[in-house]
Amino acid sequence: MTNTLHRQGTEEDLKGDYVIFVSLARDITRDGSAPKIHEFLRICQKYGPVNIGSSKWGSVLQDDVAFPDLIANLKDGATSGAVFTDLDTLKAVIAELIEADLGISINVSGLLDGVRECCRAGGTERHSVEQSLGFWGASDLLPERDVLTINTLCGHGLVSFNLIHKMIDYVKMRRLTPAEAAKIMGKCCECAVFNTARAERLLEKMLLEP
């Protein structure tokens, strides 16, 4: 199970939102996994992700996290990932990871057809599929759809509803550009799965709304 499954949005929006990350199993693949995690991140970094990092150390969107330091500080079992915005790039990443044969599980969150296409292009079939069943309970207490779409770009929901409202207001008042606001929100996401490019596009759409 991964919390990146809960991302909200239209099918068209989700075509530009793919998260790839490592998953380690205690007593099976966790011990001695640090070099494999480092190589996974090096491969991802080569293809220009919009975000990359680890829940153990943060993401490169944060001012005090540089990629070389990220690699140096990650130990065994550190959940790490990267975010890409198009299938062609994701295909290339997956193909190189298959060739590297790191011996650890690689997960991809995104539209099912797109992910399957990437796996087959690399000469493999996906092992399994998980889907989110959505939000249950007092869903009437949730914020409006635009806010929830941005909030779910962080798997742990660390980009607060109030901050998102503030960033939307600042963009509409021209106090921040959509790109600046997206990066501010992305810094709050410790799990390094916030898609700043998609957040920027969502804010740009809101500028056109009355």
C-alpha atoms as a PDB file:
ATOM      1  CA  MET A   1       0.000   0.000   0.000  1.00  0.00           C
ATOM      2  CA  THR A   2       1.244   3.493  -0.823  1.00  0.00           C
ATOM      3  CA  ASN A   3      -0.257   6.819   0.146  1.00  0.00           C
ATOM      4  CA  THR A   4       0.491   8.131  -3.355  1.00  0.00           C
ATOM      5  CA  LEU A   5      -2.578   6.236  -4.566  1.00  0.00           C
ATOM      6  CA  HIS A   6      -4.913   8.911  -3.217  1.00  0.00           C
ATOM      7  CA  ARG A   7      -3.986  11.644  -5.689  1.00  0.00           C
ATOM      8  CA  GLN A   8      -7.066  13.404  -7.013  1.00  0.00           C
ATOM      9  CA  GLY A   9      -7.805  14.915 -10.417  1.00  0.00           C
ATOM     10  CA  THR A  10      -9.069  14.350 -13.910  1.00  0.00           C
ATOM     11  CA  GLU A  11      -7.638  11.659 -16.143  1.00  0.00           C
ATOM     12  CA  GLU A  12      -6.045  14.358 -18.298  1.00  0.00           C
ATOM     13  CA  ASP A  13      -4.309  15.951 -15.285  1.00  0.00           C
ATOM     14  CA  LEU A  14      -3.076  12.598 -14.007  1.00  0.00           C
ATOM     15  CA  LYS A  15      -1.364  11.874 -17.332  1.00  0.00           C
ATOM     16  CA  GLY A  16       1.347  14.245 -16.143  1.00  0.00           C
ATOM     17  CA  ASP A  17       1.840  12.745 -12.711  1.00  0.00           C
ATOM     18  CA  TYR A  18       3.938   9.627 -12.085  1.00  0.00           C
ATOM     19  CA  VAL A  19       5.733   8.686  -8.867  1.00  0.00           C
ATOM     20  CA  ILE A  20       8.381   5.962  -8.820  1.00  0.00           C
ATOM     21  CA  PHE A  21       9.891   4.747  -5.561  1.00  0.00           C
ATOM     22  CA  VAL A  22      11.667   1.884  -3.860  1.00  0.00           C
ATOM     23  CA  SER A  23      10.048  -0.440  -1.357  1.00  0.00           C
ATOM     24  CA  LEU A  24      12.117  -2.532   1.056  1.00  0.00           C
ATOM     25  CA  ALA A  25      11.035  -5.575   3.061  1.00  0.00           C
ATOM     26  CA  ARG A  26      12.365  -6.006   6.587  1.00  0.00           C
ATOM     27  CA  ASP A  27      14.542  -9.125   6.983  1.00  0.00           C
ATOM     28  CA  ILE A  28      14.374  -9.724   3.207  1.00  0.00           C
ATOM     29  CA  THR A  29      15.716  -6.810   1.170  1.00  0.00           C
ATOM     30  CA  ARG A  30      16.250  -4.077   3.776  1.00  0.00           C
ATOM     31  CA  ASP A  31      19.686  -5.061   5.094  1.00  0.00           C
ATOM     32  CA  GLY A  32      22.432  -3.836   2.786  1.00  0.00           C
ATOM     33  CA  SER A  33      19.976  -1.850   0.661  1.00  0.00           C
ATOM     34  CA  ALA A  34      21.654   1.572   0.960  1.00  0.00           C
ATOM     35  CA  PRO A  35      23.879   1.218  -2.162  1.00  0.00           C
ATOM     36  CA  LYS A  36      20.869   0.001  -4.148  1.00  0.00           C
ATOM     37  CA  ILE A  37      18.780   2.973  -3.023  1.00  0.00           C
ATOM     38  CA  HIS A  38      21.612   5.317  -3.970  1.00  0.00           C
ATOM     39  CA  GLU A  39      21.838   3.791  -7.449  1.00  0.00           C
ATOM     40  CA  PHE A  40      18.058   3.990  -7.862  1.00  0.00           C
ATOM     41  CA  LEU A  41      18.165   7.706  -7.090  1.00  0.00           C
ATOM     42  CA  ARG A  42      21.153   8.299  -9.386  1.00  0.00           C
ATOM     43  CA  ILE A  43      19.289   6.670 -12.261  1.00  0.00           C
ATOM     44  CA  CYS A  44      16.166   8.743 -11.585  1.00  0.00           C
ATOM     45  CA  GLN A  45      18.168  11.963 -11.267  1.00  0.00           C
ATOM     46  CA  LYS A  46      19.641  11.490 -14.755  1.00  0.00           C
ATOM     47  CA  TYR A  47      16.173  11.961 -16.271  1.00  0.00           C
ATOM     48  CA  GLY A  48      15.305  15.296 -14.676  1.00  0.00           C
ATOM     49  CA  PRO A  49      12.520  14.566 -12.173  1.00  0.00           C
ATOM     50  CA  VAL A  50      10.475  17.511 -10.905  1.00  0.00           C
ATOM     51  CA  ASN A  51      11.017  16.178  -7.387  1.00  0.00           C
ATOM     52  CA  ILE A  52      13.316  13.585  -5.846  1.00  0.00           C
ATOM     53  CA  GLY A  53      14.236  12.614  -2.311  1.00  0.00           C
ATOM     54  CA  SER A  54      13.448  10.412   0.654  1.00  0.00           C
ATOM     55  CA  SER A  55      11.058  10.415   3.583  1.00  0.00           C
ATOM     56  CA  LYS A  56      14.157   9.947   5.762  1.00  0.00           C
ATOM     57  CA  TRP A  57      15.954  13.063   4.534  1.00  0.00           C
ATOM     58  CA  GLY A  58      13.515  15.269   2.625  1.00  0.00           C
ATOM     59  CA  SER A  59      13.410  16.413  -0.982  1.00  0.00           C
ATOM     60  CA  VAL A  60      15.604  18.585  -3.173  1.00  0.00           C
ATOM     61  CA  LEU A  61      12.832  21.200  -3.129  1.00  0.00           C
ATOM     62  CA  GLN A  62      13.952  22.063   0.391  1.00  0.00           C
ATOM     63  CA  ASP A  63      16.689  24.680   0.555  1.00  0.00           C
ATOM     64  CA  ASP A  64      18.948  22.639   2.842  1.00  0.00           C
ATOM     65  CA  VAL A  65      18.833  19.391   0.832  1.00  0.00           C
ATOM     66  CA  ALA A  66      21.264  18.969  -2.068  1.00  0.00           C
ATOM     67  CA  PHE A  67      21.291  15.797  -4.149  1.00  0.00           C
ATOM     68  CA  PRO A  68      24.883  14.742  -3.253  1.00  0.00           C
ATOM     69  CA  ASP A  69      24.088  15.141   0.456  1.00  0.00           C
ATOM     70  CA  LEU A  70      20.864  13.211  -0.004  1.00  0.00           C
ATOM     71  CA  ILE A  71      22.767  10.258  -1.448  1.00  0.00           C
ATOM     72  CA  ALA A  72      25.447  10.421   1.235  1.00  0.00           C
ATOM     73  CA  ASN A  73      22.997  10.389   4.136  1.00  0.00           C
ATOM     74  CA  LEU A  74      20.539   7.672   3.101  1.00  0.00           C
ATOM     75  CA  LYS A  75      20.919   4.376   4.959  1.00  0.00           C
ATOM     76  CA  ASP A  76      19.405   0.911   4.618  1.00  0.00           C
ATOM     77  CA  GLY A  77      15.637   0.888   4.248  1.00  0.00           C
ATOM     78  CA  ALA A  78      15.177   4.558   3.364  1.00  0.00           C
ATOM     79  CA  THR A  79      12.021   4.914   1.282  1.00  0.00           C
ATOM     80  CA  SER A  80      13.037   7.077  -1.658  1.00  0.00           C
ATOM     81  CA  GLY A  81      11.381   8.216  -4.844  1.00  0.00           C
ATOM     82  CA  ALA A  82      11.105  10.627  -7.744  1.00  0.00           C
ATOM     83  CA  VAL A  83       8.317  12.353  -9.664  1.00  0.00           C
ATOM     84  CA  PHE A  84       8.063  12.508 -13.455  1.00  0.00           C
ATOM     85  CA  THR A  85       5.598  14.246 -15.732  1.00  0.00           C
ATOM     86  CA  ASP A  86       5.527  12.210 -18.939  1.00  0.00           C
ATOM     87  CA  LEU A  87       5.424   8.590 -20.040  1.00  0.00           C
ATOM     88  CA  ASP A  88       8.396   8.717 -22.383  1.00  0.00           C
ATOM     89  CA  THR A  89      10.720   9.747 -19.563  1.00  0.00           C
ATOM     90  CA  LEU A  90       9.187   7.196 -17.212  1.00  0.00           C
ATOM     91  CA  LYS A  91       9.722   4.484 -19.837  1.00  0.00           C
ATOM     92  CA  ALA A  92      13.402   5.347 -20.028  1.00  0.00           C
ATOM     93  CA  VAL A  93      13.751   5.321 -16.226  1.00  0.00           C
ATOM     94  CA  ILE A  94      12.018   1.961 -15.873  1.00  0.00           C
ATOM     95  CA  ALA A  95      14.047   0.450 -18.709  1.00  0.00           C
ATOM     96  CA  GLU A  96      17.324   1.474 -17.052  1.00  0.00           C
ATOM     97  CA  LEU A  97      16.156   0.217 -13.660  1.00  0.00           C
ATOM     98  CA  ILE A  98      15.261  -3.145 -15.204  1.00  0.00           C
ATOM     99  CA  GLU A  99      18.724  -3.326 -16.742  1.00  0.00           C
ATOM    100  CA  ALA A 100      20.342  -2.367 -13.408  1.00  0.00           C
ATOM    101  CA  ASP A 101      18.494  -5.261 -11.708  1.00  0.00           C
ATOM    102  CA  LEU A 102      18.952  -3.817  -8.210  1.00  0.00           C
ATOM    103  CA  GLY A 103      17.136  -6.661  -6.447  1.00  0.00           C
ATOM    104  CA  ILE A 104      14.627  -4.402  -4.666  1.00  0.00           C
ATOM    105  CA  SER A 105      10.969  -3.678  -5.328  1.00  0.00           C
ATOM    106  CA  ILE A 106      10.144  -0.674  -7.501  1.00  0.00           C
ATOM    107  CA  ASN A 107       6.656   0.824  -7.284  1.00  0.00           C
ATOM    108  CA  VAL A 108       5.030   3.260  -9.681  1.00  0.00           C
ATOM    109  CA  SER A 109       1.947   5.354  -8.953  1.00  0.00           C
ATOM    110  CA  GLY A 110       0.027   6.653 -11.950  1.00  0.00           C
ATOM    111  CA  LEU A 111      -2.695   5.843 -14.441  1.00  0.00           C
ATOM    112  CA  LEU A 112      -2.822   2.057 -14.819  1.00  0.00           C
ATOM    113  CA  ASP A 113      -2.653   1.932 -18.621  1.00  0.00           C
ATOM    114  CA  GLY A 114       0.338   4.246 -18.698  1.00  0.00           C
ATOM    115  CA  VAL A 115       2.258   2.307 -16.081  1.00  0.00           C
ATOM    116  CA  ARG A 116       1.553  -0.996 -17.835  1.00  0.00           C
ATOM    117  CA  GLU A 117       2.776   0.501 -21.109  1.00  0.00           C
ATOM    118  CA  CYS A 118       6.032   1.609 -19.459  1.00  0.00           C
ATOM    119  CA  CYS A 119       6.668  -1.808 -17.943  1.00  0.00           C
ATOM    120  CA  ARG A 120       6.050  -3.613 -21.213  1.00  0.00           C
ATOM    121  CA  ALA A 121       8.289  -1.183 -23.087  1.00  0.00           C
ATOM    122  CA  GLY A 122      11.069  -2.220 -20.699  1.00  0.00           C
ATOM    123  CA  GLY A 123      10.428  -5.896 -21.320  1.00  0.00           C
ATOM    124  CA  THR A 124       8.615  -6.785 -18.109  1.00  0.00           C
ATOM    125  CA  GLU A 125       5.118  -7.102 -16.669  1.00  0.00           C
ATOM    126  CA  ARG A 126       4.003  -5.372 -13.493  1.00  0.00           C
ATOM    127  CA  HIS A 127       3.787  -7.674 -10.511  1.00  0.00           C
ATOM    128  CA  SER A 128       0.546  -6.380  -9.007  1.00  0.00           C
ATOM    129  CA  VAL A 129      -1.896  -3.470  -8.955  1.00  0.00           C
ATOM    130  CA  GLU A 130      -3.337  -1.458  -6.066  1.00  0.00           C
ATOM    131  CA  GLN A 131      -6.135   1.082  -6.314  1.00  0.00           C
ATOM    132  CA  SER A 132      -7.518   3.656  -3.923  1.00  0.00           C
ATOM    133  CA  LEU A 133     -11.214   3.363  -3.085  1.00  0.00           C
ATOM    134  CA  GLY A 134     -11.433   7.071  -2.365  1.00  0.00           C
ATOM    135  CA  PHE A 135     -12.423   8.868   0.806  1.00  0.00           C
ATOM    136  CA  TRP A 136     -14.939   7.340   3.202  1.00  0.00           C
ATOM    137  CA  GLY A 137     -16.753   8.860   6.160  1.00  0.00           C
ATOM    138  CA  ALA A 138     -17.716  12.502   6.625  1.00  0.00           C
ATOM    139  CA  SER A 139     -16.550  13.559   3.180  1.00  0.00           C
ATOM    140  CA  ASP A 140     -18.672  16.706   3.445  1.00  0.00           C
ATOM    141  CA  LEU A 141     -16.002  18.050   5.814  1.00  0.00           C
ATOM    142  CA  LEU A 142     -13.360  17.899   3.093  1.00  0.00           C
ATOM    143  CA  PRO A 143     -12.341  21.122   1.339  1.00  0.00           C
ATOM    144  CA  GLU A 144     -13.267  22.000  -2.237  1.00  0.00           C
ATOM    145  CA  ARG A 145     -11.929  19.809  -5.040  1.00  0.00           C
ATOM    146  CA  ASP A 146      -9.157  22.185  -6.174  1.00  0.00           C
ATOM    147  CA  VAL A 147      -7.669  22.298  -2.675  1.00  0.00           C
ATOM    148  CA  LEU A 148      -7.942  18.541  -2.194  1.00  0.00           C
ATOM    149  CA  THR A 149      -6.248  17.911  -5.532  1.00  0.00           C
ATOM    150  CA  ILE A 150      -3.189  19.865  -4.419  1.00  0.00           C
ATOM    151  CA  ASN A 151      -3.241  18.471  -0.867  1.00  0.00           C
ATOM    152  CA  THR A 152      -3.130  14.857  -2.101  1.00  0.00           C
ATOM    153  CA  LEU A 153       0.057  15.581  -4.070  1.00  0.00           C
ATOM    154  CA  CYS A 154       1.750  14.976  -0.714  1.00  0.00           C
ATOM    155  CA  GLY A 155       1.179  11.395   0.363  1.00  0.00           C
ATOM    156  CA  HIS A 156       1.084  12.342   4.038  1.00  0.00           C
ATOM    157  CA  GLY A 157      -1.093  15.424   3.567  1.00  0.00           C
ATOM    158  CA  LEU A 158       1.583  17.753   4.951  1.00  0.00           C
ATOM    159  CA  VAL A 159       0.589  20.595   2.638  1.00  0.00           C
ATOM    160  CA  SER A 160      -2.188  22.043   4.780  1.00  0.00           C
ATOM    161  CA  PHE A 161      -5.531  23.200   3.455  1.00  0.00           C
ATOM    162  CA  ASN A 162      -4.934  26.662   4.903  1.00  0.00           C
ATOM    163  CA  LEU A 163      -1.561  27.004   3.162  1.00  0.00           C
ATOM    164  CA  ILE A 164      -3.106  25.936  -0.136  1.00  0.00           C
ATOM    165  CA  HIS A 165      -5.879  28.527   0.263  1.00  0.00           C
ATOM    166  CA  LYS A 166      -3.226  31.157   0.995  1.00  0.00           C
ATOM    167  CA  MET A 167      -1.132  30.205  -2.035  1.00  0.00           C
ATOM    168  CA  ILE A 168      -4.205  30.317  -4.282  1.00  0.00           C
ATOM    169  CA  ASP A 169      -5.044  33.792  -2.969  1.00  0.00           C
ATOM    170  CA  TYR A 170      -1.455  34.997  -3.419  1.00  0.00           C
ATOM    171  CA  VAL A 171      -1.371  33.746  -7.001  1.00  0.00           C
ATOM    172  CA  LYS A 172      -4.681  35.443  -7.806  1.00  0.00           C
ATOM    173  CA  MET A 173      -3.411  38.680  -6.245  1.00  0.00           C
ATOM    174  CA  ARG A 174      -0.207  38.357  -8.331  1.00  0.00           C
ATOM    175  CA  ARG A 175       1.915  38.305  -5.189  1.00  0.00           C
ATOM    176  CA  LEU A 176       3.381  34.955  -6.275  1.00  0.00           C
ATOM    177  CA  THR A 177       3.689  33.227  -9.617  1.00  0.00           C
ATOM    178  CA  PRO A 178       2.171  29.734  -9.888  1.00  0.00           C
ATOM    179  CA  ALA A 179       5.712  28.295 -10.030  1.00  0.00           C
ATOM    180  CA  GLU A 180       6.760  30.118  -6.849  1.00  0.00           C
ATOM    181  CA  ALA A 181       3.637  29.028  -4.989  1.00  0.00           C
ATOM    182  CA  ALA A 182       4.051  25.413  -6.142  1.00  0.00           C
ATOM    183  CA  LYS A 183       7.612  25.280  -4.811  1.00  0.00           C
ATOM    184  CA  ILE A 184       6.599  26.757  -1.440  1.00  0.00           C
ATOM    185  CA  MET A 185       3.958  24.059  -1.063  1.00  0.00           C
ATOM    186  CA  GLY A 186       6.316  21.361  -2.298  1.00  0.00           C
ATOM    187  CA  LYS A 187       8.823  22.155   0.443  1.00  0.00           C
ATOM    188  CA  CYS A 188       6.267  20.975   3.014  1.00  0.00           C
ATOM    189  CA  CYS A 189       6.152  17.464   1.543  1.00  0.00           C
ATOM    190  CA  GLU A 190       8.722  15.378   3.429  1.00  0.00           C
ATOM    191  CA  CYS A 191       8.049  12.255   1.377  1.00  0.00           C
ATOM    192  CA  ALA A 192       9.370  13.897  -1.833  1.00  0.00           C
ATOM    193  CA  VAL A 193       6.361  12.995  -4.005  1.00  0.00           C
ATOM    194  CA  PHE A 194       4.863  16.474  -4.489  1.00  0.00           C
ATOM    195  CA  ASN A 195       4.550  17.234  -8.197  1.00  0.00           C
ATOM    196  CA  THR A 196       5.415  20.931  -8.520  1.00  0.00           C
ATOM    197  CA  ALA A 197       4.799  20.958 -12.275  1.00  0.00           C
ATOM    198  CA  ARG A 198       1.260  19.691 -11.809  1.00  0.00           C
ATOM    199  CA  ALA A 199       0.606  22.064  -8.902  1.00  0.00           C
ATOM    200  CA  GLU A 200       1.783  24.934 -11.097  1.00  0.00           C
ATOM    201  CA  ARG A 201      -0.619  23.928 -13.869  1.00  0.00           C
ATOM    202  CA  LEU A 202      -3.502  23.700 -11.405  1.00  0.00           C
ATOM    203  CA  LEU A 203      -2.772  27.196 -10.103  1.00  0.00           C
ATOM    204  CA  GLU A 204      -2.542  28.555 -13.645  1.00  0.00           C
ATOM    205  CA  LYS A 205      -6.025  27.166 -14.354  1.00  0.00           C
ATOM    206  CA  MET A 206      -7.343  28.878 -11.219  1.00  0.00           C
ATOM    207  CA  LEU A 207      -6.049  32.222 -12.551  1.00  0.00           C
ATOM    208  CA  LEU A 208      -8.421  31.875 -15.471  1.00  0.00           C
ATOM    209  CA  GLU A 209     -11.430  31.243 -13.243  1.00  0.00           C
ATOM    210  CA  PRO A 210     -13.740  34.178 -12.423  1.00  0.00           C
END
